[in-house]
Amino acid sequence: MLKKLLAACAASLLLTGCVKPTPEQLENPDYGPYPFDYDRTIKAYMARTQPDPDSTKYQFLGDPIPMWNGIFGLRFGYGMCVIVNAKNIYGGYAGQELWFFMLRGDQVMETNSARVGGHPKAFARVKCEKVGFNLGG
């Protein structure tokens, strides 16, 4: 019974959380300031969770792309995808992860990550492909 209740709550949250912009909003979107220093913004964000941030390797897959996101409220910003390989607490590299970032100026508004080569429907991969990054495979 509890599982059914939780599933119903999750489904209603997802359904009510998705918002599409109106034609007027798409005609004149406010993406906010362009994230010119996106590499520094992303590295600073990632450094907060890395045991050895100076050794983290970044592969930026392009420049930030204007986008909107309608999950849990409508937001406009710039989508950016990065492959990150960071050291774990044992000092070895943990393996490549695909990260999706939604930026607005120097602010990180949203992130998602997925193991490179992992599930093809992983949220980070779907979002990166949605904004136009060619991930191959």
N, C-alpha and C. Protein backbone atom coordinates (compact mmCIF):
# COMPACT_ATOMS: atom_id res chain seq x y z
N MET A 1 0.81 -1.19 0.00
CA MET A 1 0.00 0.00 0.00
C MET A 1 0.87 1.27 0.00
N LEU A 2 1.91 1.26 0.83
CA LEU A 2 2.79 2.41 0.92
C LEU A 2 3.52 2.64 -0.40
N LYS A 3 3.92 1.56 -1.07
CA LYS A 3 4.60 1.69 -2.36
C LYS A 3 3.69 2.34 -3.40
N LYS A 4 2.41 1.95 -3.41
CA LYS A 4 1.46 2.54 -4.35
C LYS A 4 1.25 4.02 -4.06
N LEU A 5 1.17 4.36 -2.79
CA LEU A 5 0.99 5.75 -2.41
C LEU A 5 2.19 6.59 -2.83
N LEU A 6 3.39 6.08 -2.58
CA LEU A 6 4.61 6.79 -2.98
C LEU A 6 4.69 6.93 -4.50
N ALA A 7 4.33 5.89 -5.22
CA ALA A 7 4.35 5.95 -6.68
C ALA A 7 3.35 6.98 -7.18
N ALA A 8 2.17 7.03 -6.60
CA ALA A 8 1.16 8.01 -7.00
C ALA A 8 1.64 9.43 -6.71
N CYS A 9 2.26 9.64 -5.55
CA CYS A 9 2.79 10.97 -5.21
C CYS A 9 3.89 11.38 -6.18
N ALA A 10 4.79 10.47 -6.49
CA ALA A 10 5.88 10.78 -7.42
C ALA A 10 5.34 11.11 -8.80
N ALA A 11 4.37 10.34 -9.26
CA ALA A 11 3.78 10.59 -10.58
C ALA A 11 3.09 11.94 -10.63
N SER A 12 2.34 12.28 -9.59
CA SER A 12 1.64 13.57 -9.59
C SER A 12 2.64 14.72 -9.50
N LEU A 13 3.72 14.54 -8.77
CA LEU A 13 4.74 15.57 -8.68
C LEU A 13 5.39 15.79 -10.03
N LEU A 14 5.71 14.71 -10.73
CA LEU A 14 6.32 14.85 -12.05
C LEU A 14 5.36 15.49 -13.04
N LEU A 15 4.10 15.10 -13.00
CA LEU A 15 3.13 15.65 -13.95
C LEU A 15 2.85 17.12 -13.68
N THR A 16 2.77 17.51 -12.44
CA THR A 16 2.50 18.91 -12.14
C THR A 16 3.77 19.75 -12.18
N GLY A 17 4.91 19.11 -12.14
CA GLY A 17 6.17 19.84 -12.14
C GLY A 17 6.66 20.24 -13.51
N CYS A 18 6.09 19.69 -14.57
CA CYS A 18 6.54 19.98 -15.93
C CYS A 18 5.75 21.15 -16.49
N VAL A 19 6.46 22.18 -16.90
CA VAL A 19 5.83 23.39 -17.42
C VAL A 19 6.44 23.70 -18.77
N LYS A 20 5.58 24.06 -19.74
CA LYS A 20 6.07 24.50 -21.04
C LYS A 20 5.90 26.00 -21.15
N PRO A 21 6.86 26.67 -21.79
CA PRO A 21 6.72 28.12 -21.95
C PRO A 21 5.60 28.44 -22.93
N THR A 22 5.00 29.60 -22.74
CA THR A 22 3.96 30.07 -23.65
C THR A 22 4.64 30.57 -24.93
N PRO A 23 3.89 30.69 -26.01
CA PRO A 23 4.48 31.25 -27.24
C PRO A 23 5.09 32.63 -27.01
N GLU A 24 4.48 33.43 -26.14
CA GLU A 24 5.02 34.77 -25.84
C GLU A 24 6.38 34.66 -25.15
N GLN A 25 6.49 33.70 -24.22
CA GLN A 25 7.77 33.52 -23.53
C GLN A 25 8.85 33.04 -24.47
N LEU A 26 8.50 32.20 -25.42
CA LEU A 26 9.47 31.71 -26.39
C LEU A 26 9.84 32.78 -27.42
N GLU A 27 8.93 33.71 -27.65
CA GLU A 27 9.18 34.78 -28.61
C GLU A 27 10.23 35.76 -28.09
N ASN A 28 10.21 35.99 -26.79
CA ASN A 28 11.14 36.94 -26.18
C ASN A 28 11.69 36.35 -24.87
N PRO A 29 12.47 35.27 -24.96
CA PRO A 29 12.94 34.61 -23.74
C PRO A 29 14.02 35.42 -23.01
N ASP A 30 14.02 35.29 -21.70
CA ASP A 30 15.06 35.92 -20.88
C ASP A 30 15.99 34.83 -20.36
N TYR A 31 17.06 34.59 -21.09
CA TYR A 31 18.03 33.57 -20.70
C TYR A 31 18.98 34.06 -19.61
N GLY A 32 18.94 35.35 -19.34
CA GLY A 32 19.85 35.91 -18.35
C GLY A 32 21.20 36.21 -18.99
N PRO A 33 22.16 36.64 -18.18
CA PRO A 33 23.47 36.96 -18.72
C PRO A 33 24.19 35.71 -19.25
N TYR A 34 24.91 35.89 -20.36
CA TYR A 34 25.65 34.78 -20.95
C TYR A 34 26.80 34.38 -20.01
N PRO A 35 27.00 33.09 -19.79
CA PRO A 35 28.07 32.63 -18.88
C PRO A 35 29.45 32.61 -19.56
N PHE A 36 30.04 33.80 -19.76
CA PHE A 36 31.33 33.88 -20.45
C PHE A 36 32.42 33.08 -19.75
N ASP A 37 32.40 33.05 -18.42
CA ASP A 37 33.40 32.30 -17.65
C ASP A 37 32.86 30.94 -17.21
N TYR A 38 32.16 30.26 -18.12
CA TYR A 38 31.52 28.99 -17.77
C TYR A 38 32.51 27.97 -17.26
N ASP A 39 33.71 27.94 -17.82
CA ASP A 39 34.68 26.94 -17.36
C ASP A 39 35.07 27.19 -15.90
N ARG A 40 35.29 28.42 -15.54
CA ARG A 40 35.64 28.74 -14.15
C ARG A 40 34.46 28.48 -13.21
N THR A 41 33.24 28.83 -13.66
CA THR A 41 32.04 28.60 -12.85
C THR A 41 31.86 27.11 -12.57
N ILE A 42 32.00 26.29 -13.60
CA ILE A 42 31.81 24.85 -13.45
C ILE A 42 32.91 24.24 -12.59
N LYS A 43 34.15 24.64 -12.81
CA LYS A 43 35.25 24.10 -12.00
C LYS A 43 35.10 24.48 -10.53
N ALA A 44 34.67 25.70 -10.26
CA ALA A 44 34.46 26.12 -8.86
C ALA A 44 33.32 25.32 -8.23
N TYR A 45 32.27 25.08 -8.99
CA TYR A 45 31.14 24.29 -8.49
C TYR A 45 31.60 22.87 -8.18
N MET A 46 32.33 22.26 -9.09
CA MET A 46 32.79 20.88 -8.91
C MET A 46 33.81 20.75 -7.78
N ALA A 47 34.62 21.77 -7.58
CA ALA A 47 35.68 21.71 -6.56
C ALA A 47 35.11 21.52 -5.16
N ARG A 48 33.87 21.91 -4.96
CA ARG A 48 33.25 21.78 -3.63
C ARG A 48 33.04 20.33 -3.23
N THR A 49 33.01 19.41 -4.20
CA THR A 49 32.73 18.01 -3.89
C THR A 49 33.89 17.08 -4.21
N GLN A 50 34.99 17.61 -4.71
CA GLN A 50 36.12 16.78 -5.14
C GLN A 50 37.17 16.66 -4.03
N PRO A 51 37.67 15.45 -3.76
CA PRO A 51 38.73 15.32 -2.77
C PRO A 51 40.05 15.95 -3.24
N ASP A 52 40.28 15.99 -4.56
CA ASP A 52 41.50 16.57 -5.11
C ASP A 52 41.13 17.39 -6.36
N PRO A 53 40.52 18.57 -6.16
CA PRO A 53 39.98 19.32 -7.30
C PRO A 53 41.03 19.74 -8.32
N ASP A 54 42.28 19.92 -7.91
CA ASP A 54 43.31 20.35 -8.85
C ASP A 54 43.65 19.27 -9.88
N SER A 55 43.34 18.02 -9.59
CA SER A 55 43.67 16.93 -10.51
C SER A 55 42.49 16.56 -11.43
N THR A 56 41.34 17.18 -11.22
CA THR A 56 40.15 16.85 -12.01
C THR A 56 40.36 17.24 -13.46
N LYS A 57 39.99 16.34 -14.36
CA LYS A 57 40.13 16.57 -15.80
C LYS A 57 38.76 16.90 -16.38
N TYR A 58 38.72 17.95 -17.21
CA TYR A 58 37.48 18.42 -17.81
C TYR A 58 37.59 18.39 -19.33
N GLN A 59 36.54 17.92 -19.97
CA GLN A 59 36.42 17.99 -21.42
C GLN A 59 35.10 18.70 -21.72
N PHE A 60 35.20 20.00 -22.06
CA PHE A 60 34.01 20.78 -22.37
C PHE A 60 33.57 20.43 -23.78
N LEU A 61 32.30 20.09 -23.94
CA LEU A 61 31.80 19.57 -25.22
C LEU A 61 31.32 20.66 -26.16
N GLY A 62 31.52 21.89 -25.82
CA GLY A 62 31.11 23.01 -26.66
C GLY A 62 30.85 24.22 -25.80
N ASP A 63 30.25 25.22 -26.39
CA ASP A 63 29.91 26.44 -25.68
C ASP A 63 28.48 26.34 -25.13
N PRO A 64 28.15 27.13 -24.12
CA PRO A 64 26.79 27.13 -23.58
C PRO A 64 25.75 27.48 -24.64
N ILE A 65 24.61 26.78 -24.58
CA ILE A 65 23.55 26.93 -25.56
C ILE A 65 22.29 27.42 -24.85
N PRO A 66 21.61 28.46 -25.37
CA PRO A 66 20.37 28.92 -24.75
C PRO A 66 19.33 27.80 -24.69
N MET A 67 18.64 27.69 -23.55
CA MET A 67 17.65 26.63 -23.38
C MET A 67 16.65 27.02 -22.31
N TRP A 68 15.59 26.24 -22.22
CA TRP A 68 14.64 26.37 -21.12
C TRP A 68 14.42 24.99 -20.52
N ASN A 69 14.00 25.00 -19.27
CA ASN A 69 13.70 23.76 -18.57
C ASN A 69 12.38 23.96 -17.84
N GLY A 70 11.49 23.00 -17.99
CA GLY A 70 10.18 23.13 -17.37
C GLY A 70 9.92 22.17 -16.24
N ILE A 71 10.96 21.57 -15.69
CA ILE A 71 10.76 20.65 -14.58
C ILE A 71 10.82 21.44 -13.28
N PHE A 72 9.76 21.33 -12.47
CA PHE A 72 9.63 22.03 -11.20
C PHE A 72 9.69 23.54 -11.38
N GLY A 73 9.03 24.04 -12.40
CA GLY A 73 8.97 25.47 -12.66
C GLY A 73 9.76 25.83 -13.91
N LEU A 74 9.32 26.84 -14.58
CA LEU A 74 9.94 27.25 -15.84
C LEU A 74 11.18 28.10 -15.58
N ARG A 75 12.29 27.69 -16.17
CA ARG A 75 13.54 28.45 -16.04
C ARG A 75 14.22 28.55 -17.40
N PHE A 76 14.81 29.70 -17.66
CA PHE A 76 15.60 29.92 -18.86
C PHE A 76 17.06 30.10 -18.44
N GLY A 77 17.96 29.63 -19.27
CA GLY A 77 19.39 29.75 -18.99
C GLY A 77 20.18 29.20 -20.16
N TYR A 78 21.37 28.69 -19.86
CA TYR A 78 22.27 28.16 -20.88
C TYR A 78 22.69 26.76 -20.50
N GLY A 79 22.51 25.82 -21.43
CA GLY A 79 22.90 24.44 -21.20
C GLY A 79 24.34 24.19 -21.61
N MET A 80 25.02 23.38 -20.82
CA MET A 80 26.44 23.10 -21.05
C MET A 80 26.71 21.66 -20.64
N CYS A 81 27.46 20.93 -21.46
CA CYS A 81 27.78 19.55 -21.12
C CYS A 81 29.29 19.36 -21.05
N VAL A 82 29.71 18.59 -20.06
CA VAL A 82 31.13 18.41 -19.76
C VAL A 82 31.36 16.96 -19.38
N ILE A 83 32.47 16.41 -19.84
CA ILE A 83 32.90 15.10 -19.35
C ILE A 83 33.96 15.36 -18.29
N VAL A 84 33.74 14.77 -17.11
CA VAL A 84 34.60 15.00 -15.95
C VAL A 84 35.19 13.68 -15.50
N ASN A 85 36.48 13.68 -15.18
CA ASN A 85 37.14 12.53 -14.58
C ASN A 85 37.89 13.04 -13.35
N ALA A 86 37.42 12.64 -12.19
CA ALA A 86 37.99 13.14 -10.94
C ALA A 86 38.56 11.99 -10.13
N LYS A 87 39.49 12.33 -9.26
CA LYS A 87 40.05 11.33 -8.37
C LYS A 87 39.09 11.05 -7.21
N ASN A 88 39.09 9.80 -6.79
CA ASN A 88 38.28 9.43 -5.64
C ASN A 88 39.11 9.59 -4.36
N ILE A 89 38.57 9.20 -3.23
CA ILE A 89 39.27 9.39 -1.96
C ILE A 89 40.50 8.50 -1.84
N TYR A 90 40.64 7.50 -2.71
CA TYR A 90 41.81 6.62 -2.68
C TYR A 90 42.92 7.10 -3.60
N GLY A 91 42.69 8.20 -4.33
CA GLY A 91 43.71 8.78 -5.18
C GLY A 91 43.69 8.30 -6.62
N GLY A 92 42.81 7.39 -6.97
CA GLY A 92 42.70 6.92 -8.35
C GLY A 92 41.56 7.63 -9.06
N TYR A 93 41.66 7.70 -10.39
CA TYR A 93 40.58 8.32 -11.15
C TYR A 93 39.35 7.41 -11.14
N ALA A 94 38.20 7.99 -10.93
CA ALA A 94 36.95 7.25 -10.76
C ALA A 94 36.31 6.86 -12.09
N GLY A 95 36.75 7.44 -13.19
CA GLY A 95 36.15 7.16 -14.50
C GLY A 95 35.34 8.36 -14.98
N GLN A 96 35.13 8.41 -16.26
CA GLN A 96 34.47 9.57 -16.86
C GLN A 96 32.98 9.60 -16.54
N GLU A 97 32.53 10.82 -16.23
CA GLU A 97 31.11 11.07 -16.02
C GLU A 97 30.69 12.23 -16.91
N LEU A 98 29.52 12.09 -17.50
CA LEU A 98 28.92 13.17 -18.28
C LEU A 98 28.13 14.04 -17.32
N TRP A 99 28.39 15.34 -17.36
CA TRP A 99 27.67 16.28 -16.52
C TRP A 99 26.92 17.27 -17.40
N PHE A 100 25.66 17.51 -17.05
CA PHE A 100 24.87 18.57 -17.66
C PHE A 100 24.77 19.71 -16.65
N PHE A 101 25.01 20.93 -17.11
CA PHE A 101 24.88 22.12 -16.28
C PHE A 101 23.92 23.08 -16.94
N MET A 102 23.04 23.67 -16.15
CA MET A 102 22.25 24.79 -16.63
C MET A 102 22.75 26.01 -15.88
N LEU A 103 23.23 26.98 -16.65
CA LEU A 103 23.86 28.17 -16.08
C LEU A 103 23.05 29.42 -16.41
N ARG A 104 23.20 30.39 -15.57
CA ARG A 104 22.63 31.73 -15.81
C ARG A 104 23.67 32.69 -15.27
N GLY A 105 24.43 33.29 -16.19
CA GLY A 105 25.56 34.11 -15.75
C GLY A 105 26.59 33.22 -15.07
N ASP A 106 27.01 33.59 -13.87
CA ASP A 106 28.00 32.79 -13.14
C ASP A 106 27.33 31.89 -12.10
N GLN A 107 26.05 31.63 -12.25
CA GLN A 107 25.31 30.79 -11.32
C GLN A 107 24.98 29.43 -11.94
N VAL A 108 25.21 28.36 -11.19
CA VAL A 108 24.79 27.03 -11.59
C VAL A 108 23.37 26.84 -11.09
N MET A 109 22.43 26.66 -12.01
CA MET A 109 21.02 26.52 -11.65
C MET A 109 20.60 25.06 -11.50
N GLU A 110 21.27 24.17 -12.22
CA GLU A 110 20.88 22.76 -12.22
C GLU A 110 22.04 21.92 -12.69
N THR A 111 22.15 20.71 -12.17
CA THR A 111 23.15 19.75 -12.65
C THR A 111 22.52 18.36 -12.70
N ASN A 112 23.06 17.55 -13.59
CA ASN A 112 22.75 16.12 -13.66
C ASN A 112 24.00 15.43 -14.14
N SER A 113 24.23 14.21 -13.68
CA SER A 113 25.41 13.48 -14.13
C SER A 113 25.06 12.03 -14.41
N ALA A 114 25.89 11.42 -15.25
CA ALA A 114 25.71 10.00 -15.60
C ALA A 114 27.06 9.44 -16.01
N ARG A 115 27.28 8.19 -15.71
CA ARG A 115 28.51 7.50 -16.11
C ARG A 115 28.59 7.45 -17.63
N VAL A 116 29.75 7.81 -18.19
CA VAL A 116 29.94 7.73 -19.65
C VAL A 116 29.86 6.25 -20.04
N GLY A 117 29.06 5.97 -21.07
CA GLY A 117 28.85 4.60 -21.49
C GLY A 117 27.76 3.90 -20.71
N GLY A 118 27.13 4.63 -19.79
CA GLY A 118 26.07 4.06 -18.98
C GLY A 118 24.75 4.04 -19.72
N HIS A 119 23.68 4.03 -18.99
CA HIS A 119 22.34 3.91 -19.55
C HIS A 119 22.07 5.03 -20.56
N PRO A 120 21.58 4.69 -21.76
CA PRO A 120 21.34 5.71 -22.79
C PRO A 120 20.22 6.69 -22.45
N LYS A 121 19.38 6.36 -21.47
CA LYS A 121 18.29 7.26 -21.09
C LYS A 121 18.59 8.02 -19.80
N ALA A 122 19.85 8.00 -19.38
CA ALA A 122 20.23 8.75 -18.18
C ALA A 122 19.90 10.23 -18.40
N PHE A 123 19.41 10.88 -17.34
CA PHE A 123 18.91 12.24 -17.43
C PHE A 123 19.95 13.20 -18.02
N ALA A 124 21.20 13.10 -17.59
CA ALA A 124 22.24 14.00 -18.09
C ALA A 124 22.41 13.82 -19.60
N ARG A 125 22.43 12.58 -20.06
CA ARG A 125 22.61 12.30 -21.49
C ARG A 125 21.42 12.83 -22.30
N VAL A 126 20.21 12.61 -21.81
CA VAL A 126 19.01 13.08 -22.50
C VAL A 126 19.03 14.60 -22.61
N LYS A 127 19.39 15.28 -21.52
CA LYS A 127 19.42 16.74 -21.54
C LYS A 127 20.51 17.27 -22.47
N CYS A 128 21.67 16.64 -22.46
CA CYS A 128 22.75 17.08 -23.35
C CYS A 128 22.35 16.91 -24.81
N GLU A 129 21.70 15.81 -25.14
CA GLU A 129 21.25 15.62 -26.50
C GLU A 129 20.13 16.58 -26.86
N LYS A 130 19.27 16.90 -25.90
CA LYS A 130 18.16 17.82 -26.15
C LYS A 130 18.66 19.20 -26.56
N VAL A 131 19.73 19.66 -25.93
CA VAL A 131 20.23 20.99 -26.28
C VAL A 131 21.23 20.97 -27.43
N GLY A 132 21.46 19.77 -28.00
CA GLY A 132 22.22 19.72 -29.25
C GLY A 132 23.64 19.21 -29.17
N PHE A 133 24.06 18.67 -28.04
CA PHE A 133 25.41 18.12 -27.96
C PHE A 133 25.41 16.71 -28.53
N ASN A 134 26.27 16.44 -29.49
CA ASN A 134 26.37 15.12 -30.11
C ASN A 134 27.26 14.25 -29.24
N LEU A 135 26.68 13.24 -28.62
CA LEU A 135 27.42 12.39 -27.69
C LEU A 135 27.86 11.08 -28.33
N GLY A 136 27.45 10.83 -29.55
CA GLY A 136 27.83 9.58 -30.22
C GLY A 136 27.18 8.39 -29.53
N GLY A 137 27.52 7.19 -30.05
CA GLY A 137 27.07 5.92 -29.47
C GLY A 137 25.68 5.92 -29.07
